[in-house]
PDB file of N, CA and C in Angstrom:
ATOM      1  N   UNK A   1     -10.399 -24.476  39.905  1.00  0.00           N
ATOM      2  CA  UNK A   1     -10.719 -24.220  38.519  1.00  0.00           C
ATOM      3  C   UNK A   1     -10.111 -22.865  38.120  1.00  0.00           C
ATOM      4  N   UNK A   2      -9.239 -22.916  37.185  1.00  0.00           N
ATOM      5  CA  UNK A   2      -8.579 -21.699  36.745  1.00  0.00           C
ATOM      6  C   UNK A   2      -9.275 -21.137  35.515  1.00  0.00           C
ATOM      7  N   UNK A   3      -9.351 -19.862  35.498  1.00  0.00           N
ATOM      8  CA  UNK A   3      -9.890 -19.196  34.319  1.00  0.00           C
ATOM      9  C   UNK A   3      -8.738 -18.865  33.388  1.00  0.00           C
ATOM     10  N   UNK A   4      -8.847 -19.353  32.228  1.00  0.00           N
ATOM     11  CA  UNK A   4      -7.793 -19.077  31.258  1.00  0.00           C
ATOM     12  C   UNK A   4      -8.241 -17.946  30.347  1.00  0.00           C
ATOM     13  N   UNK A   5      -7.408 -16.969  30.279  1.00  0.00           N
ATOM     14  CA  UNK A   5      -7.709 -15.849  29.398  1.00  0.00           C
ATOM     15  C   UNK A   5      -7.003 -16.078  28.074  1.00  0.00           C
ATOM     16  N   UNK A   6      -7.767 -16.014  27.045  1.00  0.00           N
ATOM     17  CA  UNK A   6      -7.175 -16.158  25.718  1.00  0.00           C
ATOM     18  C   UNK A   6      -6.632 -14.816  25.273  1.00  0.00           C
ATOM     19  N   UNK A   7      -5.464 -14.880  24.779  1.00  0.00           N
ATOM     20  CA  UNK A   7      -4.853 -13.665  24.257  1.00  0.00           C
ATOM     21  C   UNK A   7      -5.383 -13.466  22.851  1.00  0.00           C
ATOM     22  N   UNK A   8      -6.098 -12.389  22.674  1.00  0.00           N
ATOM     23  CA  UNK A   8      -6.642 -12.122  21.347  1.00  0.00           C
ATOM     24  C   UNK A   8      -5.585 -11.403  20.519  1.00  0.00           C
ATOM     25  N   UNK A   9      -5.297 -11.973  19.385  1.00  0.00           N
ATOM     26  CA  UNK A   9      -4.326 -11.354  18.488  1.00  0.00           C
ATOM     27  C   UNK A   9      -5.061 -10.401  17.571  1.00  0.00           C
ATOM     28  N   UNK A  10      -4.554  -9.242  17.497  1.00  0.00           N
ATOM     29  CA  UNK A  10      -5.155  -8.231  16.650  1.00  0.00           C
ATOM     30  C   UNK A  10      -4.446  -8.212  15.299  1.00  0.00           C
ATOM     31  N   UNK A  11      -5.214  -8.070  14.269  1.00  0.00           N
ATOM     32  CA  UNK A  11      -4.661  -7.953  12.919  1.00  0.00           C
ATOM     33  C   UNK A  11      -4.841  -6.533  12.391  1.00  0.00           C
ATOM     34  N   UNK A  12      -4.796  -5.573  13.286  1.00  0.00           N
ATOM     35  CA  UNK A  12      -5.076  -4.186  12.907  1.00  0.00           C
ATOM     36  C   UNK A  12      -4.147  -3.635  11.837  1.00  0.00           C
ATOM     37  N   UNK A  13      -2.872  -3.882  11.969  1.00  0.00           N
ATOM     38  CA  UNK A  13      -1.914  -3.369  10.978  1.00  0.00           C
ATOM     39  C   UNK A  13      -2.111  -4.054   9.630  1.00  0.00           C
ATOM     40  N   UNK A  14      -2.368  -5.352   9.644  1.00  0.00           N
ATOM     41  CA  UNK A  14      -2.554  -6.084   8.401  1.00  0.00           C
ATOM     42  C   UNK A  14      -3.818  -5.612   7.677  1.00  0.00           C
ATOM     43  N   UNK A  15      -4.897  -5.444   8.420  1.00  0.00           N
ATOM     44  CA  UNK A  15      -6.152  -4.984   7.814  1.00  0.00           C
ATOM     45  C   UNK A  15      -6.002  -3.557   7.291  1.00  0.00           C
ATOM     46  N   UNK A  16      -5.358  -2.703   8.081  1.00  0.00           N
ATOM     47  CA  UNK A  16      -5.134  -1.313   7.642  1.00  0.00           C
ATOM     48  C   UNK A  16      -4.294  -1.269   6.371  1.00  0.00           C
ATOM     49  N   UNK A  17      -3.274  -2.081   6.317  1.00  0.00           N
ATOM     50  CA  UNK A  17      -2.424  -2.133   5.136  1.00  0.00           C
ATOM     51  C   UNK A  17      -3.214  -2.577   3.909  1.00  0.00           C
ATOM     52  N   UNK A  18      -4.033  -3.602   4.082  1.00  0.00           N
ATOM     53  CA  UNK A  18      -4.822  -4.109   2.965  1.00  0.00           C
ATOM     54  C   UNK A  18      -5.829  -3.069   2.473  1.00  0.00           C
ATOM     55  N   UNK A  19      -6.542  -2.445   3.395  1.00  0.00           N
ATOM     56  CA  UNK A  19      -7.550  -1.442   3.014  1.00  0.00           C
ATOM     57  C   UNK A  19      -6.884  -0.241   2.345  1.00  0.00           C
ATOM     58  N   UNK A  20      -5.812   0.263   2.926  1.00  0.00           N
ATOM     59  CA  UNK A  20      -5.120   1.413   2.323  1.00  0.00           C
ATOM     60  C   UNK A  20      -4.507   1.054   0.978  1.00  0.00           C
ATOM     61  N   UNK A  21      -4.015  -0.170   0.841  1.00  0.00           N
ATOM     62  CA  UNK A  21      -3.462  -0.598  -0.441  1.00  0.00           C
ATOM     63  C   UNK A  21      -4.517  -0.662  -1.532  1.00  0.00           C
ATOM     64  N   UNK A  22      -5.682  -1.225  -1.201  1.00  0.00           N
ATOM     65  CA  UNK A  22      -6.768  -1.334  -2.188  1.00  0.00           C
ATOM     66  C   UNK A  22      -7.285   0.050  -2.564  1.00  0.00           C
ATOM     67  N   UNK A  23      -7.590   0.858  -1.557  1.00  0.00           N
ATOM     68  CA  UNK A  23      -8.131   2.203  -1.819  1.00  0.00           C
ATOM     69  C   UNK A  23      -7.101   3.054  -2.551  1.00  0.00           C
ATOM     70  N   UNK A  24      -5.856   2.976  -2.130  1.00  0.00           N
ATOM     71  CA  UNK A  24      -4.809   3.765  -2.779  1.00  0.00           C
ATOM     72  C   UNK A  24      -4.593   3.372  -4.226  1.00  0.00           C
ATOM     73  N   UNK A  25      -4.646   2.071  -4.517  1.00  0.00           N
ATOM     74  CA  UNK A  25      -4.442   1.617  -5.892  1.00  0.00           C
ATOM     75  C   UNK A  25      -5.631   1.994  -6.772  1.00  0.00           C
ATOM     76  N   UNK A  26      -6.837   1.759  -6.298  1.00  0.00           N
ATOM     77  CA  UNK A  26      -8.026   2.041  -7.114  1.00  0.00           C
ATOM     78  C   UNK A  26      -8.167   3.543  -7.367  1.00  0.00           C
ATOM     79  N   UNK A  27      -8.066   4.340  -6.315  1.00  0.00           N
ATOM     80  CA  UNK A  27      -8.195   5.791  -6.508  1.00  0.00           C
ATOM     81  C   UNK A  27      -6.949   6.398  -7.135  1.00  0.00           C
ATOM     82  N   UNK A  28      -5.825   5.709  -7.028  1.00  0.00           N
ATOM     83  CA  UNK A  28      -4.598   6.192  -7.662  1.00  0.00           C
ATOM     84  C   UNK A  28      -4.637   6.105  -9.171  1.00  0.00           C
ATOM     85  N   UNK A  29      -5.522   5.284  -9.703  1.00  0.00           N
ATOM     86  CA  UNK A  29      -5.660   5.169 -11.150  1.00  0.00           C
ATOM     87  C   UNK A  29      -6.487   6.292 -11.757  1.00  0.00           C
ATOM     88  N   UNK A  30      -7.198   7.039 -10.918  1.00  0.00           N
ATOM     89  CA  UNK A  30      -8.022   8.151 -11.396  1.00  0.00           C
ATOM     90  C   UNK A  30      -7.108   9.340 -11.692  1.00  0.00           C
ATOM     91  N   UNK A  31      -7.180   9.884 -12.901  1.00  0.00           N
ATOM     92  CA  UNK A  31      -6.318  11.027 -13.229  1.00  0.00           C
ATOM     93  C   UNK A  31      -6.573  12.221 -12.308  1.00  0.00           C
ATOM     94  N   UNK A  32      -5.542  12.904 -11.953  1.00  0.00           N
ATOM     95  CA  UNK A  32      -5.527  14.105 -11.113  1.00  0.00           C
ATOM     96  C   UNK A  32      -5.935  13.841  -9.667  1.00  0.00           C
ATOM     97  N   UNK A  33      -6.481  12.688  -9.354  1.00  0.00           N
ATOM     98  CA  UNK A  33      -6.821  12.345  -7.980  1.00  0.00           C
ATOM     99  C   UNK A  33      -5.750  11.438  -7.375  1.00  0.00           C
ATOM    100  N   UNK A  34      -4.981  10.793  -8.238  1.00  0.00           N
ATOM    101  CA  UNK A  34      -4.025   9.799  -7.796  1.00  0.00           C
ATOM    102  C   UNK A  34      -2.971  10.297  -6.844  1.00  0.00           C
ATOM    103  N   UNK A  35      -2.471  11.507  -7.047  1.00  0.00           N
ATOM    104  CA  UNK A  35      -1.393  12.000  -6.194  1.00  0.00           C
ATOM    105  C   UNK A  35      -1.857  12.286  -4.783  1.00  0.00           C
ATOM    106  N   UNK A  36      -3.156  12.470  -4.574  1.00  0.00           N
ATOM    107  CA  UNK A  36      -3.662  12.668  -3.220  1.00  0.00           C
ATOM    108  C   UNK A  36      -3.647  11.365  -2.430  1.00  0.00           C
ATOM    109  N   UNK A  37      -3.438  10.254  -3.109  1.00  0.00           N
ATOM    110  CA  UNK A  37      -3.375   8.949  -2.458  1.00  0.00           C
ATOM    111  C   UNK A  37      -1.950   8.588  -2.017  1.00  0.00           C
ATOM    112  N   UNK A  38      -0.990   9.475  -2.231  1.00  0.00           N
ATOM    113  CA  UNK A  38       0.398   9.209  -1.838  1.00  0.00           C
ATOM    114  C   UNK A  38       0.523   8.826  -0.363  1.00  0.00           C
ATOM    115  N   UNK A  39      -0.141   9.531   0.569  1.00  0.00           N
ATOM    116  CA  UNK A  39      -0.052   9.088   1.970  1.00  0.00           C
ATOM    117  C   UNK A  39      -0.630   7.681   2.177  1.00  0.00           C
ATOM    118  N   UNK A  40      -1.670   7.336   1.451  1.00  0.00           N
ATOM    119  CA  UNK A  40      -2.256   5.993   1.585  1.00  0.00           C
ATOM    120  C   UNK A  40      -1.271   4.936   1.106  1.00  0.00           C
ATOM    121  N   UNK A  41      -0.541   5.203   0.021  1.00  0.00           N
ATOM    122  CA  UNK A  41       0.444   4.242  -0.486  1.00  0.00           C
ATOM    123  C   UNK A  41       1.553   4.044   0.541  1.00  0.00           C
ATOM    124  N   UNK A  42       2.050   5.148   1.060  1.00  0.00           N
ATOM    125  CA  UNK A  42       3.147   5.065   2.029  1.00  0.00           C
ATOM    126  C   UNK A  42       2.693   4.339   3.286  1.00  0.00           C
ATOM    127  N   UNK A  43       1.498   4.669   3.775  1.00  0.00           N
ATOM    128  CA  UNK A  43       1.001   3.998   4.978  1.00  0.00           C
ATOM    129  C   UNK A  43       0.723   2.521   4.731  1.00  0.00           C
ATOM    130  N   UNK A  44       0.257   2.163   3.545  1.00  0.00           N
ATOM    131  CA  UNK A  44       0.044   0.749   3.228  1.00  0.00           C
ATOM    132  C   UNK A  44       1.359  -0.014   3.270  1.00  0.00           C
ATOM    133  N   UNK A  45       2.409   0.601   2.759  1.00  0.00           N
ATOM    134  CA  UNK A  45       3.728  -0.031   2.787  1.00  0.00           C
ATOM    135  C   UNK A  45       4.224  -0.171   4.223  1.00  0.00           C
ATOM    136  N   UNK A  46       4.102   0.886   5.005  1.00  0.00           N
ATOM    137  CA  UNK A  46       4.591   0.873   6.388  1.00  0.00           C
ATOM    138  C   UNK A  46       3.782  -0.110   7.236  1.00  0.00           C
ATOM    139  N   UNK A  47       2.443  -0.038   7.153  1.00  0.00           N
ATOM    140  CA  UNK A  47       1.605  -0.934   7.953  1.00  0.00           C
ATOM    141  C   UNK A  47       1.801  -2.388   7.541  1.00  0.00           C
ATOM    142  N   UNK A  48       2.016  -2.641   6.255  1.00  0.00           N
ATOM    143  CA  UNK A  48       2.277  -4.000   5.809  1.00  0.00           C
ATOM    144  C   UNK A  48       3.577  -4.534   6.374  1.00  0.00           C
ATOM    145  N   UNK A  49       4.606  -3.716   6.372  1.00  0.00           N
ATOM    146  CA  UNK A  49       5.901  -4.142   6.924  1.00  0.00           C
ATOM    147  C   UNK A  49       5.808  -4.376   8.432  1.00  0.00           C
ATOM    148  N   UNK A  50       5.098  -3.493   9.129  1.00  0.00           N
ATOM    149  CA  UNK A  50       4.937  -3.665  10.581  1.00  0.00           C
ATOM    150  C   UNK A  50       4.096  -4.902  10.876  1.00  0.00           C
ATOM    151  N   UNK A  51       3.046  -5.129  10.079  1.00  0.00           N
ATOM    152  CA  UNK A  51       2.210  -6.313  10.271  1.00  0.00           C
ATOM    153  C   UNK A  51       2.991  -7.604  10.065  1.00  0.00           C
ATOM    154  N   UNK A  52       3.863  -7.617   9.078  1.00  0.00           N
ATOM    155  CA  UNK A  52       4.698  -8.802   8.838  1.00  0.00           C
ATOM    156  C   UNK A  52       5.662  -9.002  10.005  1.00  0.00           C
ATOM    157  N   UNK A  53       6.246  -7.909  10.468  1.00  0.00           N
ATOM    158  CA  UNK A  53       7.218  -7.996  11.568  1.00  0.00           C
ATOM    159  C   UNK A  53       6.554  -8.462  12.864  1.00  0.00           C
ATOM    160  N   UNK A  54       5.309  -8.027  13.104  1.00  0.00           N
ATOM    161  CA  UNK A  54       4.602  -8.418  14.320  1.00  0.00           C
ATOM    162  C   UNK A  54       3.977  -9.804  14.219  1.00  0.00           C
ATOM    163  N   UNK A  55       4.041 -10.410  13.069  1.00  0.00           N
ATOM    164  CA  UNK A  55       3.487 -11.753  12.908  1.00  0.00           C
ATOM    165  C   UNK A  55       1.982 -11.773  12.755  1.00  0.00           C
ATOM    166  N   UNK A  56       1.419 -10.680  12.290  1.00  0.00           N
ATOM    167  CA  UNK A  56      -0.016 -10.643  12.059  1.00  0.00           C
ATOM    168  C   UNK A  56      -0.330 -11.409  10.785  1.00  0.00           C
ATOM    169  N   UNK A  57      -1.540 -11.329  10.335  1.00  0.00           N
ATOM    170  CA  UNK A  57      -1.968 -12.076   9.156  1.00  0.00           C
ATOM    171  C   UNK A  57      -1.035 -11.769   7.982  1.00  0.00           C
ATOM    172  N   UNK A  58      -0.228 -12.752   7.640  1.00  0.00           N
ATOM    173  CA  UNK A  58       0.799 -12.526   6.613  1.00  0.00           C
ATOM    174  C   UNK A  58       0.184 -12.273   5.244  1.00  0.00           C
ATOM    175  N   UNK A  59      -0.913 -12.926   4.929  1.00  0.00           N
ATOM    176  CA  UNK A  59      -1.543 -12.733   3.622  1.00  0.00           C
ATOM    177  C   UNK A  59      -2.011 -11.307   3.425  1.00  0.00           C
ATOM    178  N   UNK A  60      -2.708 -10.781   4.423  1.00  0.00           N
ATOM    179  CA  UNK A  60      -3.185  -9.403   4.325  1.00  0.00           C
ATOM    180  C   UNK A  60      -2.024  -8.420   4.354  1.00  0.00           C
ATOM    181  N   UNK A  61      -1.026  -8.687   5.183  1.00  0.00           N
ATOM    182  CA  UNK A  61       0.123  -7.778   5.273  1.00  0.00           C
ATOM    183  C   UNK A  61       0.887  -7.723   3.959  1.00  0.00           C
ATOM    184  N   UNK A  62       1.171  -8.891   3.385  1.00  0.00           N
ATOM    185  CA  UNK A  62       1.895  -8.918   2.106  1.00  0.00           C
ATOM    186  C   UNK A  62       1.069  -8.301   0.985  1.00  0.00           C
ATOM    187  N   UNK A  63      -0.234  -8.568   0.976  1.00  0.00           N
ATOM    188  CA  UNK A  63      -1.084  -8.004  -0.082  1.00  0.00           C
ATOM    189  C   UNK A  63      -1.129  -6.485   0.009  1.00  0.00           C
ATOM    190  N   UNK A  64      -1.298  -5.938   1.207  1.00  0.00           N
ATOM    191  CA  UNK A  64      -1.297  -4.483   1.378  1.00  0.00           C
ATOM    192  C   UNK A  64       0.036  -3.872   0.997  1.00  0.00           C
ATOM    193  N   UNK A  65       1.113  -4.540   1.383  1.00  0.00           N
ATOM    194  CA  UNK A  65       2.460  -4.068   1.044  1.00  0.00           C
ATOM    195  C   UNK A  65       2.660  -4.060  -0.470  1.00  0.00           C
ATOM    196  N   UNK A  66       2.272  -5.130  -1.127  1.00  0.00           N
ATOM    197  CA  UNK A  66       2.433  -5.229  -2.585  1.00  0.00           C
ATOM    198  C   UNK A  66       1.561  -4.209  -3.306  1.00  0.00           C
ATOM    199  N   UNK A  67       0.322  -4.020  -2.849  1.00  0.00           N
ATOM    200  CA  UNK A  67      -0.554  -3.033  -3.490  1.00  0.00           C
ATOM    201  C   UNK A  67      -0.030  -1.612  -3.305  1.00  0.00           C
ATOM    202  N   UNK A  68       0.505  -1.303  -2.128  1.00  0.00           N
ATOM    203  CA  UNK A  68       1.081   0.021  -1.896  1.00  0.00           C
ATOM    204  C   UNK A  68       2.284   0.271  -2.786  1.00  0.00           C
ATOM    205  N   UNK A  69       3.153  -0.716  -2.894  1.00  0.00           N
ATOM    206  CA  UNK A  69       4.332  -0.580  -3.756  1.00  0.00           C
ATOM    207  C   UNK A  69       3.917  -0.491  -5.222  1.00  0.00           C
ATOM    208  N   UNK A  70       2.927  -1.298  -5.621  1.00  0.00           N
ATOM    209  CA  UNK A  70       2.473  -1.292  -7.020  1.00  0.00           C
ATOM    210  C   UNK A  70       1.888   0.072  -7.403  1.00  0.00           C
ATOM    211  N   UNK A  71       1.088   0.654  -6.534  1.00  0.00           N
ATOM    212  CA  UNK A  71       0.517   1.968  -6.827  1.00  0.00           C
ATOM    213  C   UNK A  71       1.605   3.028  -6.894  1.00  0.00           C
ATOM    214  N   UNK A  72       2.560   2.948  -5.988  1.00  0.00           N
ATOM    215  CA  UNK A  72       3.668   3.903  -5.952  1.00  0.00           C
ATOM    216  C   UNK A  72       4.501   3.804  -7.230  1.00  0.00           C
ATOM    217  N   UNK A  73       4.858   2.595  -7.613  1.00  0.00           N
ATOM    218  CA  UNK A  73       5.678   2.375  -8.816  1.00  0.00           C
ATOM    219  C   UNK A  73       4.906   2.769 -10.069  1.00  0.00           C
ATOM    220  N   UNK A  74       3.617   2.444 -10.106  1.00  0.00           N
ATOM    221  CA  UNK A  74       2.803   2.783 -11.271  1.00  0.00           C
ATOM    222  C   UNK A  74       2.787   4.293 -11.502  1.00  0.00           C
ATOM    223  N   UNK A  75       2.506   5.058 -10.456  1.00  0.00           N
ATOM    224  CA  UNK A  75       2.359   6.499 -10.623  1.00  0.00           C
ATOM    225  C   UNK A  75       3.695   7.160 -10.952  1.00  0.00           C
ATOM    226  N   UNK A  76       4.756   6.788 -10.244  1.00  0.00           N
ATOM    227  CA  UNK A  76       6.054   7.382 -10.540  1.00  0.00           C
ATOM    228  C   UNK A  76       6.603   6.891 -11.876  1.00  0.00           C
ATOM    229  N   UNK A  77       6.348   5.639 -12.202  1.00  0.00           N
ATOM    230  CA  UNK A  77       6.781   5.099 -13.490  1.00  0.00           C
ATOM    231  C   UNK A  77       6.087   5.770 -14.650  1.00  0.00           C
ATOM    232  N   UNK A  78       4.804   6.052 -14.480  1.00  0.00           N
ATOM    233  CA  UNK A  78       4.050   6.741 -15.527  1.00  0.00           C
ATOM    234  C   UNK A  78       4.659   8.105 -15.817  1.00  0.00           C
ATOM    235  N   UNK A  79       4.924   8.877 -14.771  1.00  0.00           N
ATOM    236  CA  UNK A  79       5.474  10.211 -14.983  1.00  0.00           C
ATOM    237  C   UNK A  79       6.922  10.161 -15.462  1.00  0.00           C
ATOM    238  N   UNK A  80       7.654   9.140 -15.081  1.00  0.00           N
ATOM    239  CA  UNK A  80       9.006   8.963 -15.604  1.00  0.00           C
ATOM    240  C   UNK A  80       8.956   8.732 -17.110  1.00  0.00           C
ATOM    241  N   UNK A  81       8.037   7.888 -17.557  1.00  0.00           N
ATOM    242  CA  UNK A  81       7.907   7.632 -18.983  1.00  0.00           C
ATOM    243  C   UNK A  81       7.415   8.863 -19.751  1.00  0.00           C
ATOM    244  N   UNK A  82       6.569   9.652 -19.137  1.00  0.00           N
ATOM    245  CA  UNK A  82       6.105  10.884 -19.778  1.00  0.00           C
ATOM    246  C   UNK A  82       7.273  11.844 -19.970  1.00  0.00           C
ATOM    247  N   UNK A  83       8.099  12.004 -18.956  1.00  0.00           N
ATOM    248  CA  UNK A  83       9.245  12.911 -19.063  1.00  0.00           C
ATOM    249  C   UNK A  83      10.257  12.406 -20.087  1.00  0.00           C
ATOM    250  N   UNK A  84      10.559  11.109 -20.069  1.00  0.00           N
ATOM    251  CA  UNK A  84      11.503  10.540 -21.034  1.00  0.00           C
ATOM    252  C   UNK A  84      10.960  10.666 -22.446  1.00  0.00           C
ATOM    253  N   UNK A  85       9.677  10.406 -22.616  1.00  0.00           N
ATOM    254  CA  UNK A  85       9.069  10.512 -23.939  1.00  0.00           C
ATOM    255  C   UNK A  85       9.048  11.938 -24.459  1.00  0.00           C
ATOM    256  N   UNK A  86       8.767  12.889 -23.566  1.00  0.00           N
ATOM    257  CA  UNK A  86       8.749  14.288 -23.979  1.00  0.00           C
ATOM    258  C   UNK A  86      10.136  14.787 -24.323  1.00  0.00           C
ATOM    259  N   UNK A  87      11.138  14.332 -23.606  1.00  0.00           N
ATOM    260  CA  UNK A  87      12.500  14.812 -23.881  1.00  0.00           C
ATOM    261  C   UNK A  87      13.087  14.160 -25.140  1.00  0.00           C
ATOM    262  N   UNK A  88      12.649  12.962 -25.476  1.00  0.00           N
ATOM    263  CA  UNK A  88      13.206  12.305 -26.663  1.00  0.00           C
ATOM    264  C   UNK A  88      12.443  12.644 -27.945  1.00  0.00           C
ATOM    265  N   UNK A  89      11.291  13.289 -27.819  1.00  0.00           N
ATOM    266  CA  UNK A  89      10.522  13.610 -29.027  1.00  0.00           C
ATOM    267  C   UNK A  89      11.043  14.854 -29.720  1.00  0.00           C
ATOM    268  N   UNK A  90      11.914  15.593 -29.067  1.00  0.00           N
ATOM    269  CA  UNK A  90      12.530  16.765 -29.700  1.00  0.00           C
ATOM    270  C   UNK A  90      11.634  17.987 -29.713  1.00  0.00           C
ATOM    271  N   UNK A  91      10.710  18.076 -28.796  1.00  0.00           N
ATOM    272  CA  UNK A  91       9.825  19.243 -28.741  1.00  0.00           C
ATOM    273  C   UNK A  91      10.525  20.392 -28.168  1.00  0.00           C
TER     274      UNK A  91
END
């Protein structure tokens, strides 16, 4: 009788990406607090990409990756529009 050991697959990167993406996006919407979430956005993107590459839970990995990118684009896009708007208003 052989004992078969099941290889447990860990979804650590996928879960980390999802949690950091959610927290980074929600807290990134708060004025003046959002820029402190920059490391969370970057880590959500990195952990999501690593989770996809390792074959972990694709849904969580893609969701964390998308949320990290969305928060990053939102914050930089907002300030880009502020600068463009200020320069075109002739102040």
